[in-house]
Each structure stands twice: as structure tokens, then as C-alpha cells.
Amino acid sequence: MSDPIETAILNKIASLEPGKSIEPAEVAKTLQPEQWQRMLPKVRAAALALMRQGKLTITKKGKAVDPDDFKGVTRLRQATPEEAALALSRRPPVVDQDDDD
């Protein structure tokens, strides 16, 4: 089942022109207009997970951030092919679990 927050983020950035970005608050306001501030940490966490999957890029002052070391005001935009490849290369390798112990 798909996460509704991730779906909302991906739908918002898919509707943007290439190179354009949105604030995480825009997604939070779409999901919970009356109490969007409560939703903001969840939107940021979902955006970080999507960045690590190579599905979007989190930027600060127009430049991609390091997903392991950033804070402050950020924006979300579609990942370029290079950014997606970099994010996927940083993922830990998948190890097959062998049941023959």
C-alpha cells in the first residue's frame, strides 16, 4: 500500500515544470489545511525517504543537500537522472538471507 504523504509529495512535484520546486509546507497544507504545522515533520521525513530512493531532490538555496547532514529551510523538486543515480548508489547493498544455517 502506498503512503498518502509520499503520494501527495510525488503528485505535487510531478505537476511542476522541470527545475521548479515547492516548499514541504505546500504539501502539508494540501493534506491538512487546518493543522498543516503538525503534518510538516511527517512530510519532511517522507521527502527524505523519497530522496534516498532517488525519487526527488531536497534543495537548500537551489543546491541538492546531503541527505545525512542538512537542516533549515528546504525545497523539494524532481530528481535529475544524475541525482537519482547518486541516491541509489548510496543505498546499502541488499544481502540475501540464507536459511541454511
PDB file of N, CA and C in Angstrom:
ATOM      1  N   MET A   1       0.845  -1.183   0.000  1.00  0.00           N
ATOM      2  CA  MET A   1       0.000   0.000   0.000  1.00  0.00           C
ATOM      3  C   MET A   1       0.890   1.245   0.000  1.00  0.00           C
ATOM      4  N   SER A   2       0.461   2.231  -0.702  1.00  0.00           N
ATOM      5  CA  SER A   2       1.241   3.455  -0.863  1.00  0.00           C
ATOM      6  C   SER A   2       0.997   4.421   0.299  1.00  0.00           C
ATOM      7  N   ASP A   3       2.032   5.097   0.706  1.00  0.00           N
ATOM      8  CA  ASP A   3       1.938   6.094   1.763  1.00  0.00           C
ATOM      9  C   ASP A   3       1.263   7.345   1.199  1.00  0.00           C
ATOM     10  N   PRO A   4       0.178   7.824   1.813  1.00  0.00           N
ATOM     11  CA  PRO A   4      -0.518   9.003   1.276  1.00  0.00           C
ATOM     12  C   PRO A   4       0.338  10.265   1.276  1.00  0.00           C
ATOM     13  N   ILE A   5       1.272  10.373   2.215  1.00  0.00           N
ATOM     14  CA  ILE A   5       2.139  11.550   2.244  1.00  0.00           C
ATOM     15  C   ILE A   5       3.107  11.497   1.061  1.00  0.00           C
ATOM     16  N   GLU A   6       3.717  10.330   0.834  1.00  0.00           N
ATOM     17  CA  GLU A   6       4.620  10.188  -0.305  1.00  0.00           C
ATOM     18  C   GLU A   6       3.882  10.431  -1.617  1.00  0.00           C
ATOM     19  N   THR A   7       2.667   9.909  -1.717  1.00  0.00           N
ATOM     20  CA  THR A   7       1.856  10.107  -2.924  1.00  0.00           C
ATOM     21  C   THR A   7       1.575  11.583  -3.149  1.00  0.00           C
ATOM     22  N   ALA A   8       1.233  12.300  -2.088  1.00  0.00           N
ATOM     23  CA  ALA A   8       0.952  13.741  -2.209  1.00  0.00           C
ATOM     24  C   ALA A   8       2.198  14.504  -2.661  1.00  0.00           C
ATOM     25  N   ILE A   9       3.349  14.150  -2.098  1.00  0.00           N
ATOM     26  CA  ILE A   9       4.597  14.812  -2.486  1.00  0.00           C
ATOM     27  C   ILE A   9       4.890  14.554  -3.965  1.00  0.00           C
ATOM     28  N   LEU A  10       4.829  13.301  -4.369  1.00  0.00           N
ATOM     29  CA  LEU A  10       5.149  12.949  -5.752  1.00  0.00           C
ATOM     30  C   LEU A  10       4.168  13.582  -6.737  1.00  0.00           C
ATOM     31  N   ASN A  11       2.889  13.643  -6.368  1.00  0.00           N
ATOM     32  CA  ASN A  11       1.901  14.280  -7.237  1.00  0.00           C
ATOM     33  C   ASN A  11       2.182  15.774  -7.383  1.00  0.00           C
ATOM     34  N   LYS A  12       2.553  16.421  -6.286  1.00  0.00           N
ATOM     35  CA  LYS A  12       2.855  17.863  -6.333  1.00  0.00           C
ATOM     36  C   LYS A  12       4.063  18.146  -7.209  1.00  0.00           C
ATOM     37  N   ILE A  13       5.138  17.393  -7.031  1.00  0.00           N
ATOM     38  CA  ILE A  13       6.337  17.694  -7.820  1.00  0.00           C
ATOM     39  C   ILE A  13       6.179  17.255  -9.274  1.00  0.00           C
ATOM     40  N   ALA A  14       5.324  16.262  -9.527  1.00  0.00           N
ATOM     41  CA  ALA A  14       5.089  15.825 -10.913  1.00  0.00           C
ATOM     42  C   ALA A  14       4.378  16.908 -11.714  1.00  0.00           C
ATOM     43  N   SER A  15       3.623  17.755 -11.022  1.00  0.00           N
ATOM     44  CA  SER A  15       2.873  18.800 -11.712  1.00  0.00           C
ATOM     45  C   SER A  15       3.714  20.047 -11.987  1.00  0.00           C
ATOM     46  N   LEU A  16       4.950  20.057 -11.497  1.00  0.00           N
ATOM     47  CA  LEU A  16       5.823  21.218 -11.676  1.00  0.00           C
ATOM     48  C   LEU A  16       6.547  21.186 -13.012  1.00  0.00           C
ATOM     49  N   GLU A  17       6.917  22.351 -13.486  1.00  0.00           N
ATOM     50  CA  GLU A  17       7.794  22.446 -14.654  1.00  0.00           C
ATOM     51  C   GLU A  17       9.179  21.961 -14.230  1.00  0.00           C
ATOM     52  N   PRO A  18       9.949  21.418 -15.168  1.00  0.00           N
ATOM     53  CA  PRO A  18      11.307  20.954 -14.814  1.00  0.00           C
ATOM     54  C   PRO A  18      12.130  22.078 -14.180  1.00  0.00           C
ATOM     55  N   GLY A  19      12.825  21.733 -13.105  1.00  0.00           N
ATOM     56  CA  GLY A  19      13.666  22.706 -12.406  1.00  0.00           C
ATOM     57  C   GLY A  19      12.946  23.508 -11.348  1.00  0.00           C
ATOM     58  N   LYS A  20      11.616  23.469 -11.325  1.00  0.00           N
ATOM     59  CA  LYS A  20      10.851  24.209 -10.315  1.00  0.00           C
ATOM     60  C   LYS A  20      10.739  23.371  -9.052  1.00  0.00           C
ATOM     61  N   SER A  21      10.519  24.031  -7.927  1.00  0.00           N
ATOM     62  CA  SER A  21      10.451  23.329  -6.648  1.00  0.00           C
ATOM     63  C   SER A  21       9.291  23.857  -5.809  1.00  0.00           C
ATOM     64  N   ILE A  22       8.994  23.117  -4.749  1.00  0.00           N
ATOM     65  CA  ILE A  22       7.942  23.512  -3.805  1.00  0.00           C
ATOM     66  C   ILE A  22       8.495  23.442  -2.393  1.00  0.00           C
ATOM     67  N   GLU A  23       7.822  24.105  -1.491  1.00  0.00           N
ATOM     68  CA  GLU A  23       8.152  24.006  -0.076  1.00  0.00           C
ATOM     69  C   GLU A  23       7.430  22.798   0.513  1.00  0.00           C
ATOM     70  N   PRO A  24       8.028  22.105   1.458  1.00  0.00           N
ATOM     71  CA  PRO A  24       7.324  20.997   2.111  1.00  0.00           C
ATOM     72  C   PRO A  24       5.990  21.448   2.725  1.00  0.00           C
ATOM     73  N   ALA A  25       5.908  22.698   3.150  1.00  0.00           N
ATOM     74  CA  ALA A  25       4.667  23.215   3.747  1.00  0.00           C
ATOM     75  C   ALA A  25       3.503  23.180   2.758  1.00  0.00           C
ATOM     76  N   GLU A  26       3.784  23.314   1.470  1.00  0.00           N
ATOM     77  CA  GLU A  26       2.714  23.259   0.469  1.00  0.00           C
ATOM     78  C   GLU A  26       2.033  21.897   0.491  1.00  0.00           C
ATOM     79  N   VAL A  27       2.808  20.851   0.634  1.00  0.00           N
ATOM     80  CA  VAL A  27       2.253  19.502   0.701  1.00  0.00           C
ATOM     81  C   VAL A  27       1.480  19.336   2.004  1.00  0.00           C
ATOM     82  N   ALA A  28       2.061  19.792   3.108  1.00  0.00           N
ATOM     83  CA  ALA A  28       1.388  19.684   4.409  1.00  0.00           C
ATOM     84  C   ALA A  28       0.048  20.412   4.392  1.00  0.00           C
ATOM     85  N   LYS A  29       0.004  21.585   3.769  1.00  0.00           N
ATOM     86  CA  LYS A  29      -1.250  22.352   3.690  1.00  0.00           C
ATOM     87  C   LYS A  29      -2.289  21.654   2.826  1.00  0.00           C
ATOM     88  N   THR A  30      -1.834  20.920   1.825  1.00  0.00           N
ATOM     89  CA  THR A  30      -2.760  20.151   0.988  1.00  0.00           C
ATOM     90  C   THR A  30      -3.372  19.004   1.787  1.00  0.00           C
ATOM     91  N   LEU A  31      -2.543  18.363   2.601  1.00  0.00           N
ATOM     92  CA  LEU A  31      -3.003  17.204   3.369  1.00  0.00           C
ATOM     93  C   LEU A  31      -3.873  17.585   4.557  1.00  0.00           C
ATOM     94  N   GLN A  32      -3.492  18.629   5.274  1.00  0.00           N
ATOM     95  CA  GLN A  32      -4.239  19.071   6.452  1.00  0.00           C
ATOM     96  C   GLN A  32      -4.253  20.598   6.497  1.00  0.00           C
ATOM     97  N   PRO A  33      -5.172  21.215   5.768  1.00  0.00           N
ATOM     98  CA  PRO A  33      -5.177  22.679   5.688  1.00  0.00           C
ATOM     99  C   PRO A  33      -5.299  23.379   7.039  1.00  0.00           C
ATOM    100  N   GLU A  34      -6.032  22.811   7.958  1.00  0.00           N
ATOM    101  CA  GLU A  34      -6.261  23.470   9.246  1.00  0.00           C
ATOM    102  C   GLU A  34      -5.107  23.286  10.227  1.00  0.00           C
ATOM    103  N   GLN A  35      -4.449  22.151  10.157  1.00  0.00           N
ATOM    104  CA  GLN A  35      -3.363  21.858  11.104  1.00  0.00           C
ATOM    105  C   GLN A  35      -2.119  21.399  10.351  1.00  0.00           C
ATOM    106  N   TRP A  36      -1.731  22.143   9.329  1.00  0.00           N
ATOM    107  CA  TRP A  36      -0.626  21.741   8.477  1.00  0.00           C
ATOM    108  C   TRP A  36       0.704  21.701   9.216  1.00  0.00           C
ATOM    109  N   GLN A  37       0.850  22.521  10.269  1.00  0.00           N
ATOM    110  CA  GLN A  37       2.114  22.527  11.014  1.00  0.00           C
ATOM    111  C   GLN A  37       2.394  21.171  11.656  1.00  0.00           C
ATOM    112  N   ARG A  38       1.340  20.488  12.086  1.00  0.00           N
ATOM    113  CA  ARG A  38       1.513  19.155  12.687  1.00  0.00           C
ATOM    114  C   ARG A  38       1.953  18.129  11.645  1.00  0.00           C
ATOM    115  N   MET A  39       1.571  18.354  10.396  1.00  0.00           N
ATOM    116  CA  MET A  39       1.881  17.421   9.323  1.00  0.00           C
ATOM    117  C   MET A  39       3.296  17.633   8.769  1.00  0.00           C
ATOM    118  N   LEU A  40       3.855  18.812   8.969  1.00  0.00           N
ATOM    119  CA  LEU A  40       5.141  19.172   8.363  1.00  0.00           C
ATOM    120  C   LEU A  40       6.287  18.211   8.688  1.00  0.00           C
ATOM    121  N   PRO A  41       6.493  17.789   9.938  1.00  0.00           N
ATOM    122  CA  PRO A  41       7.591  16.834  10.198  1.00  0.00           C
ATOM    123  C   PRO A  41       7.413  15.512   9.438  1.00  0.00           C
ATOM    124  N   LYS A  42       6.170  15.062   9.265  1.00  0.00           N
ATOM    125  CA  LYS A  42       5.920  13.825   8.526  1.00  0.00           C
ATOM    126  C   LYS A  42       6.214  14.011   7.043  1.00  0.00           C
ATOM    127  N   VAL A  43       5.882  15.191   6.515  1.00  0.00           N
ATOM    128  CA  VAL A  43       6.175  15.485   5.109  1.00  0.00           C
ATOM    129  C   VAL A  43       7.684  15.515   4.904  1.00  0.00           C
ATOM    130  N   ARG A  44       8.396  16.155   5.799  1.00  0.00           N
ATOM    131  CA  ARG A  44       9.863  16.212   5.676  1.00  0.00           C
ATOM    132  C   ARG A  44      10.487  14.824   5.755  1.00  0.00           C
ATOM    133  N   ALA A  45       9.991  13.987   6.655  1.00  0.00           N
ATOM    134  CA  ALA A  45      10.522  12.624   6.789  1.00  0.00           C
ATOM    135  C   ALA A  45      10.236  11.806   5.529  1.00  0.00           C
ATOM    136  N   ALA A  46       9.034  11.952   4.989  1.00  0.00           N
ATOM    137  CA  ALA A  46       8.688  11.228   3.764  1.00  0.00           C
ATOM    138  C   ALA A  46       9.532  11.720   2.595  1.00  0.00           C
ATOM    139  N   ALA A  47       9.764  13.021   2.518  1.00  0.00           N
ATOM    140  CA  ALA A  47      10.596  13.579   1.447  1.00  0.00           C
ATOM    141  C   ALA A  47      12.027  13.045   1.545  1.00  0.00           C
ATOM    142  N   LEU A  48      12.543  12.929   2.739  1.00  0.00           N
ATOM    143  CA  LEU A  48      13.888  12.394   2.936  1.00  0.00           C
ATOM    144  C   LEU A  48      13.955  10.939   2.462  1.00  0.00           C
ATOM    145  N   ALA A  49      12.938  10.162   2.790  1.00  0.00           N
ATOM    146  CA  ALA A  49      12.903   8.767   2.334  1.00  0.00           C
ATOM    147  C   ALA A  49      12.843   8.703   0.810  1.00  0.00           C
ATOM    148  N   LEU A  50      12.055   9.578   0.202  1.00  0.00           N
ATOM    149  CA  LEU A  50      11.962   9.604  -1.255  1.00  0.00           C
ATOM    150  C   LEU A  50      13.279  10.044  -1.895  1.00  0.00           C
ATOM    151  N   MET A  51      13.983  10.957  -1.244  1.00  0.00           N
ATOM    152  CA  MET A  51      15.280  11.384  -1.770  1.00  0.00           C
ATOM    153  C   MET A  51      16.262  10.216  -1.746  1.00  0.00           C
ATOM    154  N   ARG A  52      16.247   9.458  -0.679  1.00  0.00           N
ATOM    155  CA  ARG A  52      17.156   8.313  -0.567  1.00  0.00           C
ATOM    156  C   ARG A  52      16.831   7.234  -1.600  1.00  0.00           C
ATOM    157  N   GLN A  53      15.589   7.239  -2.102  1.00  0.00           N
ATOM    158  CA  GLN A  53      15.182   6.296  -3.147  1.00  0.00           C
ATOM    159  C   GLN A  53      15.441   6.853  -4.546  1.00  0.00           C
ATOM    160  N   GLY A  54      15.909   8.098  -4.623  1.00  0.00           N
ATOM    161  CA  GLY A  54      16.184   8.719  -5.907  1.00  0.00           C
ATOM    162  C   GLY A  54      14.968   9.275  -6.613  1.00  0.00           C
ATOM    163  N   LYS A  55      13.860   9.443  -5.881  1.00  0.00           N
ATOM    164  CA  LYS A  55      12.614   9.899  -6.498  1.00  0.00           C
ATOM    165  C   LYS A  55      12.429  11.406  -6.472  1.00  0.00           C
ATOM    166  N   LEU A  56      13.173  12.108  -5.637  1.00  0.00           N
ATOM    167  CA  LEU A  56      13.120  13.565  -5.601  1.00  0.00           C
ATOM    168  C   LEU A  56      14.412  14.086  -5.028  1.00  0.00           C
ATOM    169  N   THR A  57      14.564  15.395  -5.077  1.00  0.00           N
ATOM    170  CA  THR A  57      15.750  16.036  -4.514  1.00  0.00           C
ATOM    171  C   THR A  57      15.308  17.098  -3.524  1.00  0.00           C
ATOM    172  N   ILE A  58      15.950  17.126  -2.389  1.00  0.00           N
ATOM    173  CA  ILE A  58      15.726  18.179  -1.401  1.00  0.00           C
ATOM    174  C   ILE A  58      16.826  19.203  -1.634  1.00  0.00           C
ATOM    175  N   THR A  59      16.423  20.464  -1.756  1.00  0.00           N
ATOM    176  CA  THR A  59      17.400  21.510  -2.033  1.00  0.00           C
ATOM    177  C   THR A  59      17.386  22.582  -0.952  1.00  0.00           C
ATOM    178  N   LYS A  60      18.507  23.256  -0.862  1.00  0.00           N
ATOM    179  CA  LYS A  60      18.656  24.413   0.016  1.00  0.00           C
ATOM    180  C   LYS A  60      19.439  25.442  -0.783  1.00  0.00           C
ATOM    181  N   LYS A  61      18.849  26.603  -0.948  1.00  0.00           N
ATOM    182  CA  LYS A  61      19.448  27.664  -1.767  1.00  0.00           C
ATOM    183  C   LYS A  61      19.745  27.163  -3.179  1.00  0.00           C
ATOM    184  N   GLY A  62      18.848  26.311  -3.688  1.00  0.00           N
ATOM    185  CA  GLY A  62      18.950  25.839  -5.058  1.00  0.00           C
ATOM    186  C   GLY A  62      19.886  24.680  -5.302  1.00  0.00           C
ATOM    187  N   LYS A  63      20.571  24.214  -4.254  1.00  0.00           N
ATOM    188  CA  LYS A  63      21.528  23.115  -4.419  1.00  0.00           C
ATOM    189  C   LYS A  63      21.063  21.902  -3.626  1.00  0.00           C
ATOM    190  N   ALA A  64      21.300  20.736  -4.190  1.00  0.00           N
ATOM    191  CA  ALA A  64      20.920  19.499  -3.516  1.00  0.00           C
ATOM    192  C   ALA A  64      21.653  19.376  -2.187  1.00  0.00           C
ATOM    193  N   VAL A  65      20.936  18.914  -1.169  1.00  0.00           N
ATOM    194  CA  VAL A  65      21.537  18.744   0.154  1.00  0.00           C
ATOM    195  C   VAL A  65      22.045  17.317   0.315  1.00  0.00           C
ATOM    196  N   ASP A  66      22.916  17.129   1.280  1.00  0.00           N
ATOM    197  CA  ASP A  66      23.362  15.804   1.683  1.00  0.00           C
ATOM    198  C   ASP A  66      22.237  15.239   2.553  1.00  0.00           C
ATOM    199  N   PRO A  67      21.636  14.105   2.179  1.00  0.00           N
ATOM    200  CA  PRO A  67      20.505  13.591   2.960  1.00  0.00           C
ATOM    201  C   PRO A  67      20.858  13.212   4.395  1.00  0.00           C
ATOM    202  N   ASP A  68      22.136  13.062   4.681  1.00  0.00           N
ATOM    203  CA  ASP A  68      22.557  12.695   6.031  1.00  0.00           C
ATOM    204  C   ASP A  68      22.992  13.889   6.873  1.00  0.00           C
ATOM    205  N   ASP A  69      23.014  15.090   6.274  1.00  0.00           N
ATOM    206  CA  ASP A  69      23.536  16.238   7.011  1.00  0.00           C
ATOM    207  C   ASP A  69      22.973  17.552   6.457  1.00  0.00           C
ATOM    208  N   PHE A  70      21.746  17.871   6.867  1.00  0.00           N
ATOM    209  CA  PHE A  70      21.175  19.149   6.477  1.00  0.00           C
ATOM    210  C   PHE A  70      20.131  19.571   7.504  1.00  0.00           C
ATOM    211  N   LYS A  71      19.867  20.849   7.523  1.00  0.00           N
ATOM    212  CA  LYS A  71      18.795  21.391   8.357  1.00  0.00           C
ATOM    213  C   LYS A  71      18.411  22.748   7.793  1.00  0.00           C
ATOM    214  N   GLY A  72      17.329  23.283   8.296  1.00  0.00           N
ATOM    215  CA  GLY A  72      16.895  24.593   7.847  1.00  0.00           C
ATOM    216  C   GLY A  72      15.826  24.539   6.779  1.00  0.00           C
ATOM    217  N   VAL A  73      15.643  25.652   6.112  1.00  0.00           N
ATOM    218  CA  VAL A  73      14.607  25.810   5.101  1.00  0.00           C
ATOM    219  C   VAL A  73      15.018  25.062   3.835  1.00  0.00           C
ATOM    220  N   THR A  74      14.135  24.195   3.362  1.00  0.00           N
ATOM    221  CA  THR A  74      14.432  23.395   2.178  1.00  0.00           C
ATOM    222  C   THR A  74      13.273  23.455   1.198  1.00  0.00           C
ATOM    223  N   ARG A  75      13.528  22.957  -0.003  1.00  0.00           N
ATOM    224  CA  ARG A  75      12.518  22.848  -1.034  1.00  0.00           C
ATOM    225  C   ARG A  75      12.623  21.461  -1.659  1.00  0.00           C
ATOM    226  N   LEU A  76      11.575  21.056  -2.374  1.00  0.00           N
ATOM    227  CA  LEU A  76      11.516  19.737  -2.999  1.00  0.00           C
ATOM    228  C   LEU A  76      11.347  19.904  -4.505  1.00  0.00           C
ATOM    229  N   ARG A  77      12.058  19.086  -5.279  1.00  0.00           N
ATOM    230  CA  ARG A  77      11.899  19.102  -6.730  1.00  0.00           C
ATOM    231  C   ARG A  77      12.200  17.722  -7.284  1.00  0.00           C
ATOM    232  N   GLN A  78      11.848  17.527  -8.561  1.00  0.00           N
ATOM    233  CA  GLN A  78      12.140  16.253  -9.205  1.00  0.00           C
ATOM    234  C   GLN A  78      13.651  16.046  -9.259  1.00  0.00           C
ATOM    235  N   ALA A  79      14.055  14.826  -9.081  1.00  0.00           N
ATOM    236  CA  ALA A  79      15.485  14.493  -9.148  1.00  0.00           C
ATOM    237  C   ALA A  79      15.916  14.406 -10.600  1.00  0.00           C
ATOM    238  N   THR A  80      17.103  14.900 -10.877  1.00  0.00           N
ATOM    239  CA  THR A  80      17.685  14.706 -12.201  1.00  0.00           C
ATOM    240  C   THR A  80      18.152  13.254 -12.291  1.00  0.00           C
ATOM    241  N   PRO A  81      18.397  12.742 -13.490  1.00  0.00           N
ATOM    242  CA  PRO A  81      18.907  11.366 -13.586  1.00  0.00           C
ATOM    243  C   PRO A  81      20.208  11.163 -12.803  1.00  0.00           C
ATOM    244  N   GLU A  82      21.067  12.175 -12.796  1.00  0.00           N
ATOM    245  CA  GLU A  82      22.327  12.063 -12.067  1.00  0.00           C
ATOM    246  C   GLU A  82      22.083  12.002 -10.556  1.00  0.00           C
ATOM    247  N   GLU A  83      21.158  12.835 -10.066  1.00  0.00           N
ATOM    248  CA  GLU A  83      20.844  12.838  -8.627  1.00  0.00           C
ATOM    249  C   GLU A  83      20.202  11.526  -8.216  1.00  0.00           C
ATOM    250  N   ALA A  84      19.335  10.984  -9.058  1.00  0.00           N
ATOM    251  CA  ALA A  84      18.702   9.702  -8.754  1.00  0.00           C
ATOM    252  C   ALA A  84      19.742   8.593  -8.695  1.00  0.00           C
ATOM    253  N   ALA A  85      20.669   8.589  -9.647  1.00  0.00           N
ATOM    254  CA  ALA A  85      21.715   7.566  -9.662  1.00  0.00           C
ATOM    255  C   ALA A  85      22.605   7.677  -8.423  1.00  0.00           C
ATOM    256  N   LEU A  86      22.940   8.902  -8.033  1.00  0.00           N
ATOM    257  CA  LEU A  86      23.766   9.101  -6.839  1.00  0.00           C
ATOM    258  C   LEU A  86      23.050   8.592  -5.593  1.00  0.00           C
ATOM    259  N   ALA A  87      21.761   8.904  -5.474  1.00  0.00           N
ATOM    260  CA  ALA A  87      20.992   8.453  -4.307  1.00  0.00           C
ATOM    261  C   ALA A  87      20.942   6.934  -4.254  1.00  0.00           C
ATOM    262  N   LEU A  88      20.728   6.311  -5.395  1.00  0.00           N
ATOM    263  CA  LEU A  88      20.654   4.849  -5.418  1.00  0.00           C
ATOM    264  C   LEU A  88      22.001   4.210  -5.135  1.00  0.00           C
ATOM    265  N   SER A  89      23.087   4.870  -5.521  1.00  0.00           N
ATOM    266  CA  SER A  89      24.414   4.316  -5.254  1.00  0.00           C
ATOM    267  C   SER A  89      24.770   4.382  -3.776  1.00  0.00           C
ATOM    268  N   ARG A  90      24.127   5.262  -3.035  1.00  0.00           N
ATOM    269  CA  ARG A  90      24.398   5.399  -1.602  1.00  0.00           C
ATOM    270  C   ARG A  90      23.621   4.406  -0.750  1.00  0.00           C
ATOM    271  N   ARG A  91      22.657   3.728  -1.366  1.00  0.00           N
ATOM    272  CA  ARG A  91      21.843   2.775  -0.605  1.00  0.00           C
ATOM    273  C   ARG A  91      22.691   1.575  -0.221  1.00  0.00           C
ATOM    274  N   PRO A  92      22.449   1.032   0.966  1.00  0.00           N
ATOM    275  CA  PRO A  92      23.216  -0.151   1.359  1.00  0.00           C
ATOM    276  C   PRO A  92      22.871  -1.330   0.457  1.00  0.00           C
ATOM    277  N   PRO A  93      23.826  -2.211   0.215  1.00  0.00           N
ATOM    278  CA  PRO A  93      23.552  -3.367  -0.653  1.00  0.00           C
ATOM    279  C   PRO A  93      22.537  -4.310  -0.012  1.00  0.00           C
ATOM    280  N   VAL A  94      21.776  -4.969  -0.858  1.00  0.00           N
ATOM    281  CA  VAL A  94      20.797  -5.950  -0.393  1.00  0.00           C
ATOM    282  C   VAL A  94      21.522  -7.274  -0.199  1.00  0.00           C
ATOM    283  N   VAL A  95      21.372  -7.843   0.969  1.00  0.00           N
ATOM    284  CA  VAL A  95      22.017  -9.108   1.284  1.00  0.00           C
ATOM    285  C   VAL A  95      20.967 -10.183   1.329  1.00  0.00           C
ATOM    286  N   ASP A  96      21.171 -11.249   0.557  1.00  0.00           N
ATOM    287  CA  ASP A  96      20.238 -12.379   0.567  1.00  0.00           C
ATOM    288  C   ASP A  96      20.333 -13.090   1.906  1.00  0.00           C
ATOM    289  N   GLN A  97      19.194 -13.368   2.487  1.00  0.00           N
ATOM    290  CA  GLN A  97      19.156 -14.113   3.736  1.00  0.00           C
ATOM    291  C   GLN A  97      19.073 -15.597   3.394  1.00  0.00           C
ATOM    292  N   ASP A  98      20.056 -16.345   3.814  1.00  0.00           N
ATOM    293  CA  ASP A  98      20.096 -17.773   3.540  1.00  0.00           C
ATOM    294  C   ASP A  98      19.587 -18.504   4.774  1.00  0.00           C
ATOM    295  N   ASP A  99      18.590 -19.355   4.576  1.00  0.00           N
ATOM    296  CA  ASP A  99      18.003 -20.083   5.695  1.00  0.00           C
ATOM    297  C   ASP A  99      18.762 -21.353   6.049  1.00  0.00           C
ATOM    298  N   ASP A 100      19.831 -21.656   5.316  1.00  0.00           N
ATOM    299  CA  ASP A 100      20.595 -22.872   5.563  1.00  0.00           C
ATOM    300  C   ASP A 100      21.723 -22.625   6.563  1.00  0.00           C
ATOM    301  N   ASP A 101      21.399 -22.400   7.795  1.00  0.00           N
ATOM    302  CA  ASP A 101      22.420 -22.161   8.829  1.00  0.00           C
ATOM    303  C   ASP A 101      22.877 -23.422   9.467  1.00  0.00           C
TER     304      ASP A 101
END
